[in-house]
N, C-alpha and C. Protein backbone atom coordinates (compact mmCIF):
# COMPACT_ATOMS: atom_id res chain seq x y z
N MET A 1 113.73 16.42 -7.89
CA MET A 1 113.01 15.17 -7.93
C MET A 1 111.86 15.24 -6.94
N MET A 2 110.66 14.79 -7.38
CA MET A 2 109.48 14.81 -6.51
C MET A 2 109.36 13.49 -5.77
N TYR A 3 108.95 13.58 -4.55
CA TYR A 3 108.68 12.39 -3.74
C TYR A 3 107.18 12.21 -3.60
N GLY A 4 106.70 11.03 -3.50
CA GLY A 4 105.27 10.77 -3.37
C GLY A 4 104.58 10.79 -4.70
N TRP A 5 103.26 10.92 -4.66
CA TRP A 5 102.48 10.92 -5.88
C TRP A 5 102.59 12.25 -6.59
N PRO A 6 102.45 12.24 -7.87
CA PRO A 6 102.55 13.50 -8.60
C PRO A 6 101.33 14.40 -8.36
N GLY A 7 101.55 15.67 -8.36
CA GLY A 7 100.45 16.63 -8.20
C GLY A 7 100.21 16.97 -6.74
N MET A 8 99.74 18.16 -6.50
CA MET A 8 99.38 18.65 -5.17
C MET A 8 100.52 18.48 -4.16
N MET A 9 101.69 18.71 -4.58
CA MET A 9 102.88 18.67 -3.73
C MET A 9 103.00 17.36 -2.95
N GLY A 10 102.70 16.27 -3.59
CA GLY A 10 102.87 14.98 -2.96
C GLY A 10 101.67 14.46 -2.21
N PHE A 11 100.56 15.19 -2.22
CA PHE A 11 99.38 14.74 -1.48
C PHE A 11 98.38 14.00 -2.36
N GLY A 12 98.48 14.14 -3.64
CA GLY A 12 97.62 13.41 -4.58
C GLY A 12 96.15 13.71 -4.41
N ALA A 13 95.35 12.66 -4.49
CA ALA A 13 93.90 12.81 -4.42
C ALA A 13 93.46 13.34 -3.05
N PHE A 14 94.16 12.94 -2.01
CA PHE A 14 93.83 13.42 -0.66
C PHE A 14 93.96 14.94 -0.59
N GLY A 15 94.98 15.48 -1.20
CA GLY A 15 95.17 16.92 -1.22
C GLY A 15 94.07 17.64 -1.97
N MET A 16 93.62 17.07 -3.07
CA MET A 16 92.53 17.68 -3.84
C MET A 16 91.23 17.65 -3.05
N ILE A 17 90.94 16.55 -2.40
CA ILE A 17 89.71 16.43 -1.59
C ILE A 17 89.77 17.40 -0.41
N PHE A 18 90.90 17.43 0.27
CA PHE A 18 91.06 18.34 1.41
C PHE A 18 90.93 19.80 0.96
N GLY A 19 91.51 20.13 -0.17
CA GLY A 19 91.40 21.49 -0.69
C GLY A 19 89.97 21.86 -1.01
N PHE A 20 89.22 20.93 -1.60
CA PHE A 20 87.82 21.18 -1.91
C PHE A 20 87.00 21.37 -0.65
N ILE A 21 87.21 20.52 0.35
CA ILE A 21 86.49 20.63 1.62
C ILE A 21 86.84 21.95 2.31
N PHE A 22 88.10 22.34 2.27
CA PHE A 22 88.52 23.59 2.87
C PHE A 22 87.86 24.77 2.16
N PHE A 23 87.79 24.72 0.84
CA PHE A 23 87.14 25.78 0.06
C PHE A 23 85.66 25.89 0.43
N ILE A 24 84.97 24.76 0.51
CA ILE A 24 83.55 24.76 0.88
C ILE A 24 83.38 25.33 2.30
N ALA A 25 84.25 24.98 3.23
CA ALA A 25 84.17 25.49 4.60
C ALA A 25 84.36 27.00 4.63
N VAL A 26 85.28 27.51 3.85
CA VAL A 26 85.50 28.95 3.80
C VAL A 26 84.28 29.66 3.23
N VAL A 27 83.71 29.15 2.16
CA VAL A 27 82.52 29.76 1.56
C VAL A 27 81.35 29.71 2.55
N ALA A 28 81.16 28.58 3.22
CA ALA A 28 80.07 28.46 4.20
C ALA A 28 80.29 29.45 5.35
N GLY A 29 81.52 29.61 5.78
CA GLY A 29 81.82 30.57 6.84
C GLY A 29 81.51 31.99 6.43
N ILE A 30 81.83 32.35 5.21
CA ILE A 30 81.53 33.70 4.71
C ILE A 30 80.03 33.92 4.63
N VAL A 31 79.30 32.93 4.13
CA VAL A 31 77.84 33.04 4.04
C VAL A 31 77.24 33.17 5.44
N PHE A 32 77.70 32.37 6.38
CA PHE A 32 77.21 32.44 7.77
C PHE A 32 77.48 33.82 8.35
N LEU A 33 78.66 34.37 8.12
CA LEU A 33 79.01 35.69 8.63
C LEU A 33 78.11 36.77 8.04
N ILE A 34 77.85 36.70 6.75
CA ILE A 34 76.98 37.69 6.11
C ILE A 34 75.57 37.61 6.66
N VAL A 35 75.03 36.40 6.80
CA VAL A 35 73.68 36.23 7.33
C VAL A 35 73.60 36.76 8.75
N TRP A 36 74.60 36.45 9.56
CA TRP A 36 74.62 36.90 10.96
C TRP A 36 74.67 38.43 11.03
N LEU A 37 75.49 39.05 10.20
CA LEU A 37 75.59 40.51 10.20
C LEU A 37 74.30 41.17 9.74
N VAL A 38 73.65 40.59 8.74
CA VAL A 38 72.39 41.15 8.25
C VAL A 38 71.31 41.05 9.32
N LYS A 39 71.23 39.91 9.98
CA LYS A 39 70.23 39.75 11.04
C LYS A 39 70.51 40.69 12.20
N ARG A 40 71.77 40.87 12.51
CA ARG A 40 72.15 41.71 13.64
C ARG A 40 71.87 43.18 13.35
N SER A 41 72.03 43.60 12.11
CA SER A 41 71.83 45.00 11.77
C SER A 41 70.41 45.28 11.29
N GLY A 42 69.54 44.30 11.39
CA GLY A 42 68.17 44.47 10.91
C GLY A 42 67.38 45.44 11.76
N ASN A 43 66.09 45.52 11.50
CA ASN A 43 65.20 46.44 12.19
C ASN A 43 65.05 46.02 13.64
N THR A 44 65.62 46.78 14.54
CA THR A 44 65.57 46.44 15.96
C THR A 44 64.47 47.17 16.70
N THR A 45 63.67 47.95 15.99
CA THR A 45 62.62 48.70 16.67
C THR A 45 61.40 47.84 16.97
N VAL A 46 61.32 46.67 16.39
CA VAL A 46 60.15 45.81 16.59
C VAL A 46 60.62 44.40 16.91
N ASP A 47 60.12 43.86 18.00
CA ASP A 47 60.39 42.46 18.26
C ASP A 47 59.16 41.66 17.87
N LYS A 48 59.19 40.35 18.07
CA LYS A 48 58.11 39.50 17.60
C LYS A 48 56.79 39.78 18.31
N THR A 49 56.82 40.28 19.53
CA THR A 49 55.59 40.52 20.27
C THR A 49 55.04 41.91 20.06
N GLY A 50 55.76 42.78 19.39
CA GLY A 50 55.28 44.12 19.12
C GLY A 50 55.39 45.05 20.31
N THR A 51 56.20 44.71 21.30
CA THR A 51 56.29 45.55 22.49
C THR A 51 56.85 46.93 22.18
N ARG A 52 57.72 47.04 21.21
CA ARG A 52 58.27 48.35 20.86
C ARG A 52 57.18 49.24 20.27
N TYR A 53 56.29 48.68 19.47
CA TYR A 53 55.17 49.45 18.95
C TYR A 53 54.32 49.99 20.09
N LEU A 54 54.05 49.14 21.05
CA LEU A 54 53.22 49.54 22.19
C LEU A 54 53.90 50.63 22.99
N GLU A 55 55.21 50.54 23.18
CA GLU A 55 55.95 51.58 23.89
C GLU A 55 55.83 52.92 23.17
N ILE A 56 55.97 52.90 21.85
CA ILE A 56 55.88 54.14 21.07
C ILE A 56 54.48 54.75 21.19
N LEU A 57 53.46 53.89 21.10
CA LEU A 57 52.09 54.40 21.23
C LEU A 57 51.86 54.99 22.61
N LYS A 58 52.35 54.33 23.65
CA LYS A 58 52.19 54.85 25.01
C LYS A 58 52.88 56.19 25.17
N GLU A 59 54.07 56.32 24.59
CA GLU A 59 54.80 57.59 24.67
C GLU A 59 54.03 58.70 23.95
N ARG A 60 53.52 58.39 22.77
CA ARG A 60 52.77 59.40 22.01
C ARG A 60 51.49 59.79 22.75
N TYR A 61 50.83 58.83 23.38
CA TYR A 61 49.61 59.12 24.14
C TYR A 61 49.95 59.97 25.36
N ALA A 62 51.03 59.64 26.04
CA ALA A 62 51.44 60.40 27.22
C ALA A 62 51.83 61.82 26.86
N LYS A 63 52.42 62.03 25.70
CA LYS A 63 52.81 63.37 25.27
C LYS A 63 51.63 64.18 24.74
N GLY A 64 50.50 63.52 24.53
CA GLY A 64 49.32 64.20 24.01
C GLY A 64 49.30 64.29 22.50
N GLU A 65 50.15 63.54 21.84
CA GLU A 65 50.19 63.58 20.37
C GLU A 65 49.00 62.87 19.76
N ILE A 66 48.43 61.89 20.46
CA ILE A 66 47.26 61.16 19.96
C ILE A 66 46.22 61.10 21.07
N THR A 67 44.97 60.95 20.66
CA THR A 67 43.89 60.87 21.64
C THR A 67 43.72 59.42 22.11
N LYS A 68 42.85 59.26 23.11
CA LYS A 68 42.60 57.91 23.65
C LYS A 68 41.98 57.02 22.56
N GLU A 69 41.08 57.58 21.78
CA GLU A 69 40.44 56.81 20.72
C GLU A 69 41.46 56.39 19.66
N GLN A 70 42.35 57.30 19.29
CA GLN A 70 43.40 56.97 18.34
C GLN A 70 44.32 55.88 18.89
N TYR A 71 44.66 56.01 20.17
CA TYR A 71 45.52 55.02 20.82
C TYR A 71 44.88 53.64 20.77
N GLU A 72 43.59 53.58 21.14
CA GLU A 72 42.88 52.29 21.14
C GLU A 72 42.76 51.73 19.73
N ASN A 73 42.45 52.57 18.76
CA ASN A 73 42.34 52.11 17.37
C ASN A 73 43.67 51.59 16.86
N MET A 74 44.75 52.29 17.16
CA MET A 74 46.07 51.86 16.70
C MET A 74 46.50 50.54 17.33
N THR A 75 46.20 50.37 18.61
CA THR A 75 46.56 49.09 19.24
C THR A 75 45.75 47.94 18.65
N LYS A 76 44.51 48.20 18.32
CA LYS A 76 43.68 47.17 17.68
C LYS A 76 44.20 46.86 16.28
N ASP A 77 44.51 47.92 15.53
CA ASP A 77 45.01 47.74 14.16
C ASP A 77 46.31 46.94 14.13
N LEU A 78 47.16 47.19 15.10
CA LEU A 78 48.45 46.48 15.14
C LEU A 78 48.35 45.13 15.82
N GLY A 79 47.18 44.83 16.38
CA GLY A 79 46.99 43.54 17.04
C GLY A 79 47.76 43.41 18.34
N LEU A 80 47.87 44.51 19.05
CA LEU A 80 48.64 44.52 20.30
C LEU A 80 47.77 44.28 21.52
N LYS A 81 46.45 44.36 21.37
CA LYS A 81 45.57 44.11 22.51
C LYS A 81 44.46 43.18 22.13
């Protein structure tokens, strides 16, 4: 014999609403986790200010891989100076 309202093991409409809200929360949590992981594993060689680009250019200039003119042109092209 069942006690309470029929369906959802006695929880009725409240159980259905709670189940739906719980399902939405789980889906939102999964989406948030995926977005966070994608952002975290993204391209970390460049930040918003381009400082990593400038570091690479300075290293290449110091090693003699590029000339002063090339260094200056590249910094202008990348908008770093």
